[in-house]
Amino acid sequence: LLSSRRARYTVLVTHYAPTFLTLVGEDRRIWSRLGHPRLEAVIKRRAPDVVIHGHAHNGRRTASVGGVPVYNVALPLWRSLVEIRLEPRGLEALL
């Protein structure tokens, strides 16, 4: 899906963490049940505009994989809904 972009922004949404970077703060013994870093290669190769996941209630709120922002939007972590604003990029940023 990421290879056939036609939208202004590409958002990758997963339930489990696509990187261990946002699991810092969780018990390391359960990281494998909260996510897996295998998707990091996909994120780096396809470069979506943003990656959003939940599930890591005690992890980090944000991280970056290959320059792509990764948001852990688990409600217990933020204690509120999370609003993510994407800025125009490329030629759109110049208009």
PDB file of N, CA and C in Angstrom:
ATOM      1  N   LEU A   1       0.810  -1.202   0.000  1.00  0.00           N
ATOM      2  CA  LEU A   1       0.000   0.000   0.000  1.00  0.00           C
ATOM      3  C   LEU A   1       0.853   1.266   0.000  1.00  0.00           C
ATOM      4  N   LEU A   2       1.954   1.217   0.740  1.00  0.00           N
ATOM      5  CA  LEU A   2       2.796   2.408   0.805  1.00  0.00           C
ATOM      6  C   LEU A   2       3.459   2.727  -0.526  1.00  0.00           C
ATOM      7  N   SER A   3       3.602   1.733  -1.398  1.00  0.00           N
ATOM      8  CA  SER A   3       4.270   1.971  -2.678  1.00  0.00           C
ATOM      9  C   SER A   3       3.351   2.612  -3.711  1.00  0.00           C
ATOM     10  N   SER A   4       2.050   2.646  -3.467  1.00  0.00           N
ATOM     11  CA  SER A   4       1.114   3.215  -4.446  1.00  0.00           C
ATOM     12  C   SER A   4       0.444   4.469  -3.891  1.00  0.00           C
ATOM     13  N   ARG A   5       1.231   5.408  -3.449  1.00  0.00           N
ATOM     14  CA  ARG A   5       0.709   6.643  -2.867  1.00  0.00           C
ATOM     15  C   ARG A   5      -0.027   7.484  -3.891  1.00  0.00           C
ATOM     16  N   ARG A   6      -1.170   7.981  -3.489  1.00  0.00           N
ATOM     17  CA  ARG A   6      -1.893   8.942  -4.315  1.00  0.00           C
ATOM     18  C   ARG A   6      -2.440  10.079  -3.465  1.00  0.00           C
ATOM     19  N   ALA A   7      -2.278   9.973  -2.176  1.00  0.00           N
ATOM     20  CA  ALA A   7      -2.824  10.959  -1.258  1.00  0.00           C
ATOM     21  C   ALA A   7      -1.786  12.025  -0.919  1.00  0.00           C
ATOM     22  N   ARG A   8      -2.253  13.107  -0.357  1.00  0.00           N
ATOM     23  CA  ARG A   8      -1.362  14.184   0.063  1.00  0.00           C
ATOM     24  C   ARG A   8      -0.410  13.704   1.153  1.00  0.00           C
ATOM     25  N   TYR A   9      -0.921  12.932   2.087  1.00  0.00           N
ATOM     26  CA  TYR A   9      -0.110  12.386   3.176  1.00  0.00           C
ATOM     27  C   TYR A   9      -0.300  10.884   3.250  1.00  0.00           C
ATOM     28  N   THR A  10       0.745  10.197   3.659  1.00  0.00           N
ATOM     29  CA  THR A  10       0.673   8.756   3.873  1.00  0.00           C
ATOM     30  C   THR A  10       0.893   8.496   5.352  1.00  0.00           C
ATOM     31  N   VAL A  11      -0.086   7.828   5.972  1.00  0.00           N
ATOM     32  CA  VAL A  11      -0.049   7.542   7.396  1.00  0.00           C
ATOM     33  C   VAL A  11      -0.059   6.032   7.577  1.00  0.00           C
ATOM     34  N   LEU A  12       0.933   5.518   8.284  1.00  0.00           N
ATOM     35  CA  LEU A  12       0.984   4.100   8.610  1.00  0.00           C
ATOM     36  C   LEU A  12       0.468   3.945  10.034  1.00  0.00           C
ATOM     37  N   VAL A  13      -0.609   3.173  10.208  1.00  0.00           N
ATOM     38  CA  VAL A  13      -1.224   2.971  11.519  1.00  0.00           C
ATOM     39  C   VAL A  13      -1.122   1.498  11.885  1.00  0.00           C
ATOM     40  N   THR A  14      -0.591   1.222  13.071  1.00  0.00           N
ATOM     41  CA  THR A  14      -0.518  -0.143  13.579  1.00  0.00           C
ATOM     42  C   THR A  14      -0.999  -0.142  15.026  1.00  0.00           C
ATOM     43  N   HIS A  15      -1.435  -1.293  15.492  1.00  0.00           N
ATOM     44  CA  HIS A  15      -1.806  -1.393  16.906  1.00  0.00           C
ATOM     45  C   HIS A  15      -0.542  -1.564  17.744  1.00  0.00           C
ATOM     46  N   TYR A  16       0.279  -2.517  17.350  1.00  0.00           N
ATOM     47  CA  TYR A  16       1.523  -2.786  18.072  1.00  0.00           C
ATOM     48  C   TYR A  16       2.628  -1.856  17.578  1.00  0.00           C
ATOM     49  N   ALA A  17       3.620  -1.622  18.426  1.00  0.00           N
ATOM     50  CA  ALA A  17       4.722  -0.721  18.082  1.00  0.00           C
ATOM     51  C   ALA A  17       5.550  -1.284  16.927  1.00  0.00           C
ATOM     52  N   PRO A  18       5.832  -0.468  15.899  1.00  0.00           N
ATOM     53  CA  PRO A  18       6.651  -0.911  14.776  1.00  0.00           C
ATOM     54  C   PRO A  18       8.149  -0.724  15.033  1.00  0.00           C
ATOM     55  N   THR A  19       8.498  -0.329  16.225  1.00  0.00           N
ATOM     56  CA  THR A  19       9.880  -0.099  16.630  1.00  0.00           C
ATOM     57  C   THR A  19       9.972  -0.277  18.137  1.00  0.00           C
ATOM     58  N   PHE A  20      11.132  -0.646  18.622  1.00  0.00           N
ATOM     59  CA  PHE A  20      11.334  -0.720  20.069  1.00  0.00           C
ATOM     60  C   PHE A  20      11.627   0.668  20.656  1.00  0.00           C
ATOM     61  N   LEU A  21      11.875   1.664  19.816  1.00  0.00           N
ATOM     62  CA  LEU A  21      12.224   3.000  20.297  1.00  0.00           C
ATOM     63  C   LEU A  21      11.129   3.621  21.157  1.00  0.00           C
ATOM     64  N   THR A  22       9.871   3.325  20.867  1.00  0.00           N
ATOM     65  CA  THR A  22       8.776   3.885  21.660  1.00  0.00           C
ATOM     66  C   THR A  22       8.386   2.980  22.826  1.00  0.00           C
ATOM     67  N   LEU A  23       9.107   1.894  23.009  1.00  0.00           N
ATOM     68  CA  LEU A  23       8.822   0.994  24.130  1.00  0.00           C
ATOM     69  C   LEU A  23       9.679   1.297  25.355  1.00  0.00           C
ATOM     70  N   VAL A  24      10.632   2.203  25.219  1.00  0.00           N
ATOM     71  CA  VAL A  24      11.466   2.582  26.362  1.00  0.00           C
ATOM     72  C   VAL A  24      10.552   3.116  27.465  1.00  0.00           C
ATOM     73  N   GLY A  25      10.668   2.534  28.646  1.00  0.00           N
ATOM     74  CA  GLY A  25       9.775   2.871  29.757  1.00  0.00           C
ATOM     75  C   GLY A  25       8.900   1.689  30.138  1.00  0.00           C
ATOM     76  N   GLU A  26       8.706   0.776  29.181  1.00  0.00           N
ATOM     77  CA  GLU A  26       7.990  -0.471  29.435  1.00  0.00           C
ATOM     78  C   GLU A  26       8.980  -1.494  29.988  1.00  0.00           C
ATOM     79  N   ASP A  27       8.470  -2.513  30.652  1.00  0.00           N
ATOM     80  CA  ASP A  27       9.307  -3.613  31.135  1.00  0.00           C
ATOM     81  C   ASP A  27       9.928  -4.304  29.922  1.00  0.00           C
ATOM     82  N   ARG A  28      11.247  -4.292  29.832  1.00  0.00           N
ATOM     83  CA  ARG A  28      11.949  -4.850  28.666  1.00  0.00           C
ATOM     84  C   ARG A  28      11.585  -6.321  28.424  1.00  0.00           C
ATOM     85  N   ARG A  29      11.214  -7.041  29.460  1.00  0.00           N
ATOM     86  CA  ARG A  29      10.875  -8.462  29.302  1.00  0.00           C
ATOM     87  C   ARG A  29       9.612  -8.674  28.470  1.00  0.00           C
ATOM     88  N   ILE A  30       8.770  -7.650  28.320  1.00  0.00           N
ATOM     89  CA  ILE A  30       7.531  -7.823  27.551  1.00  0.00           C
ATOM     90  C   ILE A  30       7.547  -7.070  26.222  1.00  0.00           C
ATOM     91  N   TRP A  31       8.689  -6.501  25.857  1.00  0.00           N
ATOM     92  CA  TRP A  31       8.754  -5.759  24.594  1.00  0.00           C
ATOM     93  C   TRP A  31       8.280  -6.590  23.413  1.00  0.00           C
ATOM     94  N   SER A  32       8.631  -7.855  23.374  1.00  0.00           N
ATOM     95  CA  SER A  32       8.243  -8.687  22.223  1.00  0.00           C
ATOM     96  C   SER A  32       6.733  -8.873  22.144  1.00  0.00           C
ATOM     97  N   ARG A  33       6.010  -8.592  23.212  1.00  0.00           N
ATOM     98  CA  ARG A  33       4.547  -8.678  23.195  1.00  0.00           C
ATOM     99  C   ARG A  33       3.894  -7.330  22.922  1.00  0.00           C
ATOM    100  N   LEU A  34       4.693  -6.287  22.886  1.00  0.00           N
ATOM    101  CA  LEU A  34       4.172  -4.942  22.653  1.00  0.00           C
ATOM    102  C   LEU A  34       4.470  -4.419  21.252  1.00  0.00           C
ATOM    103  N   GLY A  35       5.405  -5.051  20.575  1.00  0.00           N
ATOM    104  CA  GLY A  35       5.765  -4.587  19.243  1.00  0.00           C
ATOM    105  C   GLY A  35       6.946  -5.354  18.700  1.00  0.00           C
ATOM    106  N   HIS A  36       7.386  -4.952  17.523  1.00  0.00           N
ATOM    107  CA  HIS A  36       8.534  -5.606  16.898  1.00  0.00           C
ATOM    108  C   HIS A  36       9.203  -4.617  15.952  1.00  0.00           C
ATOM    109  N   PRO A  37      10.525  -4.557  15.959  1.00  0.00           N
ATOM    110  CA  PRO A  37      11.222  -3.583  15.116  1.00  0.00           C
ATOM    111  C   PRO A  37      11.337  -3.977  13.644  1.00  0.00           C
ATOM    112  N   ARG A  38      10.760  -5.084  13.251  1.00  0.00           N
ATOM    113  CA  ARG A  38      10.873  -5.520  11.853  1.00  0.00           C
ATOM    114  C   ARG A  38      10.286  -4.489  10.887  1.00  0.00           C
ATOM    115  N   LEU A  39       9.280  -3.746  11.320  1.00  0.00           N
ATOM    116  CA  LEU A  39       8.679  -2.744  10.438  1.00  0.00           C
ATOM    117  C   LEU A  39       9.574  -1.522  10.229  1.00  0.00           C
ATOM    118  N   GLU A  40      10.634  -1.389  11.015  1.00  0.00           N
ATOM    119  CA  GLU A  40      11.540  -0.256  10.813  1.00  0.00           C
ATOM    120  C   GLU A  40      12.082  -0.227   9.386  1.00  0.00           C
ATOM    121  N   ALA A  41      12.387  -1.382   8.828  1.00  0.00           N
ATOM    122  CA  ALA A  41      12.911  -1.441   7.453  1.00  0.00           C
ATOM    123  C   ALA A  41      11.876  -0.928   6.457  1.00  0.00           C
ATOM    124  N   VAL A  42      10.622  -1.268   6.671  1.00  0.00           N
ATOM    125  CA  VAL A  42       9.543  -0.797   5.790  1.00  0.00           C
ATOM    126  C   VAL A  42       9.395   0.717   5.922  1.00  0.00           C
ATOM    127  N   ILE A  43       9.433   1.205   7.146  1.00  0.00           N
ATOM    128  CA  ILE A  43       9.308   2.647   7.373  1.00  0.00           C
ATOM    129  C   ILE A  43      10.443   3.392   6.681  1.00  0.00           C
ATOM    130  N   LYS A  44      11.658   2.901   6.806  1.00  0.00           N
ATOM    131  CA  LYS A  44      12.809   3.557   6.170  1.00  0.00           C
ATOM    132  C   LYS A  44      12.726   3.498   4.650  1.00  0.00           C
ATOM    133  N   ARG A  45      12.268   2.364   4.120  1.00  0.00           N
ATOM    134  CA  ARG A  45      12.217   2.187   2.671  1.00  0.00           C
ATOM    135  C   ARG A  45      11.076   2.981   2.040  1.00  0.00           C
ATOM    136  N   ARG A  46       9.901   2.968   2.647  1.00  0.00           N
ATOM    137  CA  ARG A  46       8.715   3.597   2.046  1.00  0.00           C
ATOM    138  C   ARG A  46       8.459   5.020   2.523  1.00  0.00           C
ATOM    139  N   ALA A  47       9.050   5.386   3.647  1.00  0.00           N
ATOM    140  CA  ALA A  47       8.982   6.751   4.187  1.00  0.00           C
ATOM    141  C   ALA A  47       7.578   7.355   4.201  1.00  0.00           C
ATOM    142  N   PRO A  48       6.665   6.773   4.980  1.00  0.00           N
ATOM    143  CA  PRO A  48       5.369   7.439   5.136  1.00  0.00           C
ATOM    144  C   PRO A  48       5.584   8.783   5.834  1.00  0.00           C
ATOM    145  N   ASP A  49       4.601   9.641   5.795  1.00  0.00           N
ATOM    146  CA  ASP A  49       4.744  10.946   6.436  1.00  0.00           C
ATOM    147  C   ASP A  49       4.742  10.838   7.955  1.00  0.00           C
ATOM    148  N   VAL A  50       4.012   9.871   8.469  1.00  0.00           N
ATOM    149  CA  VAL A  50       3.921   9.684   9.913  1.00  0.00           C
ATOM    150  C   VAL A  50       3.512   8.240  10.199  1.00  0.00           C
ATOM    151  N   VAL A  51       3.951   7.725  11.341  1.00  0.00           N
ATOM    152  CA  VAL A  51       3.565   6.392  11.803  1.00  0.00           C
ATOM    153  C   VAL A  51       2.881   6.567  13.153  1.00  0.00           C
ATOM    154  N   ILE A  52       1.738   5.903  13.321  1.00  0.00           N
ATOM    155  CA  ILE A  52       0.960   6.009  14.554  1.00  0.00           C
ATOM    156  C   ILE A  52       0.679   4.614  15.080  1.00  0.00           C
ATOM    157  N   HIS A  53       0.920   4.427  16.368  1.00  0.00           N
ATOM    158  CA  HIS A  53       0.578   3.147  17.003  1.00  0.00           C
ATOM    159  C   HIS A  53       0.119   3.397  18.430  1.00  0.00           C
ATOM    160  N   GLY A  54      -0.443   2.383  19.042  1.00  0.00           N
ATOM    161  CA  GLY A  54      -0.852   2.444  20.443  1.00  0.00           C
ATOM    162  C   GLY A  54      -0.199   1.309  21.195  1.00  0.00           C
ATOM    163  N   HIS A  55      -0.883   0.814  22.204  1.00  0.00           N
ATOM    164  CA  HIS A  55      -0.543  -0.417  22.913  1.00  0.00           C
ATOM    165  C   HIS A  55       0.559  -0.286  23.949  1.00  0.00           C
ATOM    166  N   ALA A  56       1.474   0.646  23.816  1.00  0.00           N
ATOM    167  CA  ALA A  56       2.588   0.779  24.761  1.00  0.00           C
ATOM    168  C   ALA A  56       2.232   1.851  25.789  1.00  0.00           C
ATOM    169  N   HIS A  57       1.548   1.455  26.836  1.00  0.00           N
ATOM    170  CA  HIS A  57       0.970   2.387  27.803  1.00  0.00           C
ATOM    171  C   HIS A  57       1.995   3.130  28.650  1.00  0.00           C
ATOM    172  N   ASN A  58       3.197   2.591  28.781  1.00  0.00           N
ATOM    173  CA  ASN A  58       4.229   3.226  29.610  1.00  0.00           C
ATOM    174  C   ASN A  58       5.473   3.598  28.811  1.00  0.00           C
ATOM    175  N   GLY A  59       5.373   3.550  27.494  1.00  0.00           N
ATOM    176  CA  GLY A  59       6.528   3.810  26.641  1.00  0.00           C
ATOM    177  C   GLY A  59       6.739   5.284  26.379  1.00  0.00           C
ATOM    178  N   ARG A  60       7.503   5.555  25.347  1.00  0.00           N
ATOM    179  CA  ARG A  60       7.761   6.928  24.911  1.00  0.00           C
ATOM    180  C   ARG A  60       6.626   7.403  24.018  1.00  0.00           C
ATOM    181  N   ARG A  61       6.379   8.685  24.046  1.00  0.00           N
ATOM    182  CA  ARG A  61       5.322   9.257  23.206  1.00  0.00           C
ATOM    183  C   ARG A  61       5.734   9.332  21.741  1.00  0.00           C
ATOM    184  N   THR A  62       6.987   9.674  21.490  1.00  0.00           N
ATOM    185  CA  THR A  62       7.436   9.844  20.107  1.00  0.00           C
ATOM    186  C   THR A  62       8.839   9.289  19.912  1.00  0.00           C
ATOM    187  N   ALA A  63       9.136   9.015  18.666  1.00  0.00           N
ATOM    188  CA  ALA A  63      10.471   8.589  18.250  1.00  0.00           C
ATOM    189  C   ALA A  63      10.586   8.930  16.771  1.00  0.00           C
ATOM    190  N   SER A  64      11.725   8.628  16.195  1.00  0.00           N
ATOM    191  CA  SER A  64      11.938   8.846  14.767  1.00  0.00           C
ATOM    192  C   SER A  64      12.658   7.634  14.197  1.00  0.00           C
ATOM    193  N   VAL A  65      12.153   7.135  13.076  1.00  0.00           N
ATOM    194  CA  VAL A  65      12.774   6.008  12.377  1.00  0.00           C
ATOM    195  C   VAL A  65      13.087   6.479  10.962  1.00  0.00           C
ATOM    196  N   GLY A  66      14.353   6.598  10.641  1.00  0.00           N
ATOM    197  CA  GLY A  66      14.739   7.061   9.312  1.00  0.00           C
ATOM    198  C   GLY A  66      14.198   8.435   8.979  1.00  0.00           C
ATOM    199  N   GLY A  67      14.057   9.289   9.987  1.00  0.00           N
ATOM    200  CA  GLY A  67      13.527  10.628   9.774  1.00  0.00           C
ATOM    201  C   GLY A  67      12.013  10.706   9.772  1.00  0.00           C
ATOM    202  N   VAL A  68      11.338   9.573   9.932  1.00  0.00           N
ATOM    203  CA  VAL A  68       9.872   9.530   9.951  1.00  0.00           C
ATOM    204  C   VAL A  68       9.406   9.590  11.407  1.00  0.00           C
ATOM    205  N   PRO A  69       8.530  10.539  11.750  1.00  0.00           N
ATOM    206  CA  PRO A  69       8.043  10.601  13.122  1.00  0.00           C
ATOM    207  C   PRO A  69       7.124   9.419  13.441  1.00  0.00           C
ATOM    208  N   VAL A  70       7.343   8.835  14.621  1.00  0.00           N
ATOM    209  CA  VAL A  70       6.533   7.715  15.100  1.00  0.00           C
ATOM    210  C   VAL A  70       5.863   8.172  16.390  1.00  0.00           C
ATOM    211  N   TYR A  71       4.535   8.089  16.428  1.00  0.00           N
ATOM    212  CA  TYR A  71       3.766   8.498  17.597  1.00  0.00           C
ATOM    213  C   TYR A  71       3.139   7.286  18.261  1.00  0.00           C
ATOM    214  N   ASN A  72       3.380   7.140  19.555  1.00  0.00           N
ATOM    215  CA  ASN A  72       2.701   6.146  20.376  1.00  0.00           C
ATOM    216  C   ASN A  72       1.526   6.881  21.010  1.00  0.00           C
ATOM    217  N   VAL A  73       0.318   6.627  20.539  1.00  0.00           N
ATOM    218  CA  VAL A  73      -0.849   7.386  20.990  1.00  0.00           C
ATOM    219  C   VAL A  73      -1.671   6.631  22.037  1.00  0.00           C
ATOM    220  N   ALA A  74      -1.032   5.730  22.769  1.00  0.00           N
ATOM    221  CA  ALA A  74      -1.739   4.980  23.813  1.00  0.00           C
ATOM    222  C   ALA A  74      -2.389   5.960  24.796  1.00  0.00           C
ATOM    223  N   LEU A  75      -3.676   5.817  24.996  1.00  0.00           N
ATOM    224  CA  LEU A  75      -4.424   6.742  25.849  1.00  0.00           C
ATOM    225  C   LEU A  75      -3.872   6.820  27.275  1.00  0.00           C
ATOM    226  N   PRO A  76      -3.508   5.694  27.915  1.00  0.00           N
ATOM    227  CA  PRO A  76      -2.959   5.807  29.273  1.00  0.00           C
ATOM    228  C   PRO A  76      -1.643   6.598  29.328  1.00  0.00           C
ATOM    229  N   LEU A  77      -0.911   6.634  28.243  1.00  0.00           N
ATOM    230  CA  LEU A  77       0.356   7.364  28.199  1.00  0.00           C
ATOM    231  C   LEU A  77       0.124   8.874  28.130  1.00  0.00           C
ATOM    232  N   TRP A  78      -0.789   9.302  27.273  1.00  0.00           N
ATOM    233  CA  TRP A  78      -1.049  10.725  27.061  1.00  0.00           C
ATOM    234  C   TRP A  78      -2.122  11.268  28.002  1.00  0.00           C
ATOM    235  N   ARG A  79      -3.028  10.402  28.436  1.00  0.00           N
ATOM    236  CA  ARG A  79      -4.178  10.771  29.274  1.00  0.00           C
ATOM    237  C   ARG A  79      -5.136  11.726  28.560  1.00  0.00           C
ATOM    238  N   SER A  80      -5.086  11.717  27.245  1.00  0.00           N
ATOM    239  CA  SER A  80      -6.011  12.503  26.430  1.00  0.00           C
ATOM    240  C   SER A  80      -5.889  12.019  24.986  1.00  0.00           C
ATOM    241  N   LEU A  81      -6.791  12.495  24.146  1.00  0.00           N
ATOM    242  CA  LEU A  81      -6.689  12.189  22.724  1.00  0.00           C
ATOM    243  C   LEU A  81      -5.502  12.957  22.148  1.00  0.00           C
ATOM    244  N   VAL A  82      -4.900  12.404  21.122  1.00  0.00           N
ATOM    245  CA  VAL A  82      -3.708  13.010  20.527  1.00  0.00           C
ATOM    246  C   VAL A  82      -4.064  13.577  19.159  1.00  0.00           C
ATOM    247  N   GLU A  83      -3.724  14.829  18.943  1.00  0.00           N
ATOM    248  CA  GLU A  83      -3.924  15.467  17.645  1.00  0.00           C
ATOM    249  C   GLU A  83      -2.560  15.644  16.996  1.00  0.00           C
ATOM    250  N   ILE A  84      -2.435  15.138  15.784  1.00  0.00           N
ATOM    251  CA  ILE A  84      -1.174  15.233  15.051  1.00  0.00           C
ATOM    252  C   ILE A  84      -1.421  16.086  13.815  1.00  0.00           C
ATOM    253  N   ARG A  85      -0.693  17.172  13.706  1.00  0.00           N
ATOM    254  CA  ARG A  85      -0.831  18.060  12.544  1.00  0.00           C
ATOM    255  C   ARG A  85       0.359  17.846  11.619  1.00  0.00           C
ATOM    256  N   LEU A  86       0.062  17.570  10.379  1.00  0.00           N
ATOM    257  CA  LEU A  86       1.116  17.368   9.384  1.00  0.00           C
ATOM    258  C   LEU A  86       1.295  18.650   8.581  1.00  0.00           C
ATOM    259  N   GLU A  87       2.523  19.042   8.425  1.00  0.00           N
ATOM    260  CA  GLU A  87       2.847  20.249   7.668  1.00  0.00           C
ATOM    261  C   GLU A  87       3.028  19.894   6.197  1.00  0.00           C
ATOM    262  N   PRO A  88       2.679  20.825   5.292  1.00  0.00           N
ATOM    263  CA  PRO A  88       2.935  20.579   3.874  1.00  0.00           C
ATOM    264  C   PRO A  88       4.420  20.335   3.639  1.00  0.00           C
ATOM    265  N   ARG A  89       4.715  19.524   2.634  1.00  0.00           N
ATOM    266  CA  ARG A  89       6.115  19.245   2.314  1.00  0.00           C
ATOM    267  C   ARG A  89       6.299  19.305   0.808  1.00  0.00           C
ATOM    268  N   GLY A  90       7.520  19.270   0.372  1.00  0.00           N
ATOM    269  CA  GLY A  90       7.807  19.336  -1.056  1.00  0.00           C
ATOM    270  C   GLY A  90       7.350  20.659  -1.645  1.00  0.00           C
ATOM    271  N   LEU A  91       6.809  20.613  -2.849  1.00  0.00           N
ATOM    272  CA  LEU A  91       6.351  21.830  -3.522  1.00  0.00           C
ATOM    273  C   LEU A  91       5.197  22.493  -2.797  1.00  0.00           C
ATOM    274  N   GLU A  92       4.357  21.709  -2.128  1.00  0.00           N
ATOM    275  CA  GLU A  92       3.234  22.281  -1.383  1.00  0.00           C
ATOM    276  C   GLU A  92       3.703  23.236  -0.300  1.00  0.00           C
ATOM    277  N   ALA A  93       4.847  22.974   0.282  1.00  0.00           N
ATOM    278  CA  ALA A  93       5.365  23.832   1.345  1.00  0.00           C
ATOM    279  C   ALA A  93       5.727  25.219   0.815  1.00  0.00           C
ATOM    280  N   LEU A  94       5.977  25.315  -0.472  1.00  0.00           N
ATOM    281  CA  LEU A  94       6.362  26.593  -1.072  1.00  0.00           C
ATOM    282  C   LEU A  94       5.169  27.429  -1.494  1.00  0.00           C
ATOM    283  N   LEU A  95       4.000  26.832  -1.544  1.00  0.00           N
ATOM    284  CA  LEU A  95       2.812  27.562  -2.005  1.00  0.00           C
ATOM    285  C   LEU A  95       2.189  28.396  -0.922  1.00  0.00           C
TER     286      LEU A  95
END
